[in-house]
Protein backbone atom coordinates (compact mmCIF):
# COMPACT_ATOMS: atom_id res chain seq x y z
CA ARG A 1 126.51 174.26 132.59
CA VAL A 2 124.13 177.59 132.35
CA HIS A 3 127.08 179.50 131.54
CA GLN A 4 128.29 177.00 129.00
CA ALA A 5 124.77 176.77 127.62
CA LEU A 6 124.71 180.63 127.45
CA ARG A 7 127.91 180.95 125.68
CA ASP A 8 126.46 178.11 123.09
CA ILE A 9 123.77 180.26 122.15
CA ASN A 10 125.45 183.24 121.98
CA HIS A 11 127.76 181.70 119.31
CA LEU A 12 124.53 180.34 117.63
CA LEU A 13 122.28 183.58 117.18
CA PRO A 14 124.18 184.62 113.79
CA ILE A 15 124.09 181.10 112.30
CA GLU A 16 121.29 179.35 113.14
CA SER A 17 117.45 178.93 112.72
CA LEU A 18 115.09 181.18 114.90
CA GLU A 19 113.22 177.88 115.60
CA LEU A 20 116.61 176.04 116.55
CA LEU A 21 117.50 179.56 118.51
CA LYS A 22 114.09 179.29 120.63
CA ALA A 23 114.62 176.01 121.71
CA LYS A 24 118.09 176.06 122.83
CA TYR A 25 117.09 179.19 125.08
CA LEU A 26 114.08 177.78 126.55
CA GLN A 27 116.81 174.64 127.40
CA VAL A 28 119.02 177.59 128.73
CA TYR A 29 116.12 179.38 130.77
CA ASP A 30 114.93 175.73 132.20
CA LEU A 31 118.31 175.22 133.39
CA TYR A 32 118.21 178.86 135.09
CA LEU A 33 115.20 178.14 136.76
CA ARG A 34 117.16 175.26 138.52
CA LEU A 35 119.61 177.28 139.78
CA SER A 36 119.71 178.73 143.44
CA GLU A 37 118.95 182.61 144.00
CA ARG A 38 122.50 183.86 144.43
CA GLN A 39 123.46 181.92 141.02
CA LYS A 40 120.60 183.17 139.17
CA ARG A 41 121.66 187.01 139.95
CA LYS A 42 124.90 186.38 138.48
CA VAL A 43 123.47 184.94 135.30
CA TYR A 44 120.26 186.89 134.70
CA GLY A 45 122.08 189.75 132.85
CA ASN A 46 123.49 187.13 130.17
CA LEU A 47 120.21 185.43 129.95
CA SER A 48 117.94 188.85 129.54
CA GLU A 49 120.64 190.04 127.06
CA VAL A 50 120.68 186.52 124.91
CA ARG A 51 116.48 186.62 125.24
CA GLU A 52 116.63 190.56 124.09
CA GLN A 53 119.08 189.44 121.05
CA LEU A 54 116.38 186.64 120.18
CA GLU A 55 113.13 189.01 120.32
CA GLU A 56 115.05 191.38 118.11
CA LEU A 57 115.87 188.54 115.46
CA LEU A 58 112.12 187.56 115.71
CA HIS A 59 111.18 190.97 115.18
CA ARG A 60 113.10 191.23 112.10
CA GLN A 61 111.68 188.00 110.97
CA LYS A 62 108.10 189.28 111.24
CA LYS A 63 109.05 192.59 109.59
CA VAL A 64 110.70 190.66 106.55
CA GLU A 65 107.55 188.56 106.27
CA GLU A 66 105.11 191.74 106.42
CA LEU A 67 107.40 193.57 104.07
CA LEU A 68 107.36 190.71 101.82
CA ASP A 69 103.78 190.33 101.70
CA LYS A 70 103.05 194.04 101.05
CA SER A 71 101.92 195.07 97.57
CA GLY A 72 101.81 198.63 96.32
CA THR A 73 103.20 200.91 93.79
CA LEU A 74 106.59 200.59 92.23
CA GLU A 75 107.95 203.52 94.06
CA GLN A 76 106.13 202.07 97.32
CA ARG A 77 108.07 198.94 96.89
CA LYS A 78 111.13 200.23 95.96
CA GLN A 79 111.34 202.12 99.49
CA TRP A 80 110.12 198.88 101.28
CA TYR A 81 112.79 197.14 99.65
CA ASP A 82 115.59 199.13 101.33
CA GLU A 83 113.94 198.79 104.43
CA LEU A 84 113.87 195.00 103.94
CA GLN A 85 117.23 194.87 103.00
CA GLN A 86 117.95 196.22 106.39
CA HIS A 87 116.16 193.34 108.61
CA TYR A 88 116.91 191.09 106.30
CA GLN A 89 120.87 191.11 106.66
CA GLY A 90 120.24 191.47 110.48
CA LEU A 91 118.77 187.75 110.37
CA PRO A 92 120.67 184.84 110.62
CA MET A 93 122.62 182.89 108.17
CA LYS A 94 120.06 179.83 108.13
CA GLU A 95 117.12 182.65 108.31
CA GLN A 96 118.65 184.84 105.40
CA GLU A 97 118.77 181.43 103.47
CA LYS A 98 115.21 180.72 103.92
CA TRP A 99 114.18 183.97 102.37
CA TYR A 100 116.66 184.10 99.90
CA ALA A 101 114.39 182.95 96.89
CA GLN A 102 111.90 185.52 97.84
CA MET A 103 114.46 188.31 98.01
CA VAL A 104 116.14 187.61 94.78
CA HIS A 105 113.07 187.58 93.31
CA LEU A 106 111.50 190.66 94.61
CA LYS A 107 114.69 192.55 93.56
CA GLN A 108 114.27 190.85 89.82
CA SER A 109 110.91 192.42 89.56
CA LEU A 110 112.11 195.86 90.93
CA GLU A 111 114.34 195.85 88.59
CA ARG A 112 112.12 195.25 85.63
CA GLY A 113 109.64 197.58 86.90
């Protein structure tokens, strides 16, 4: 069951919202805790890889929030937009949808000057 749950969450990482991914990870971790020590050793690498990927997505989301809230000169905002775009592209699709309107608004304001 743990292996199937890990495959499922790996499949969902580029798609689903971070809230759903966190909930799924907690379910997988709960299953992991119920395994024998021998089974845990076999699964630990995959589980920690999923955790690292999830942490990276959470970091990207936090960075997007921070950069969208920053204010500065037009030149500074243009530089931040490039960094923001990189973090935004690394988010899952549903998270991108969540931030899309703000990204479009920022881009339009930068284009207008």
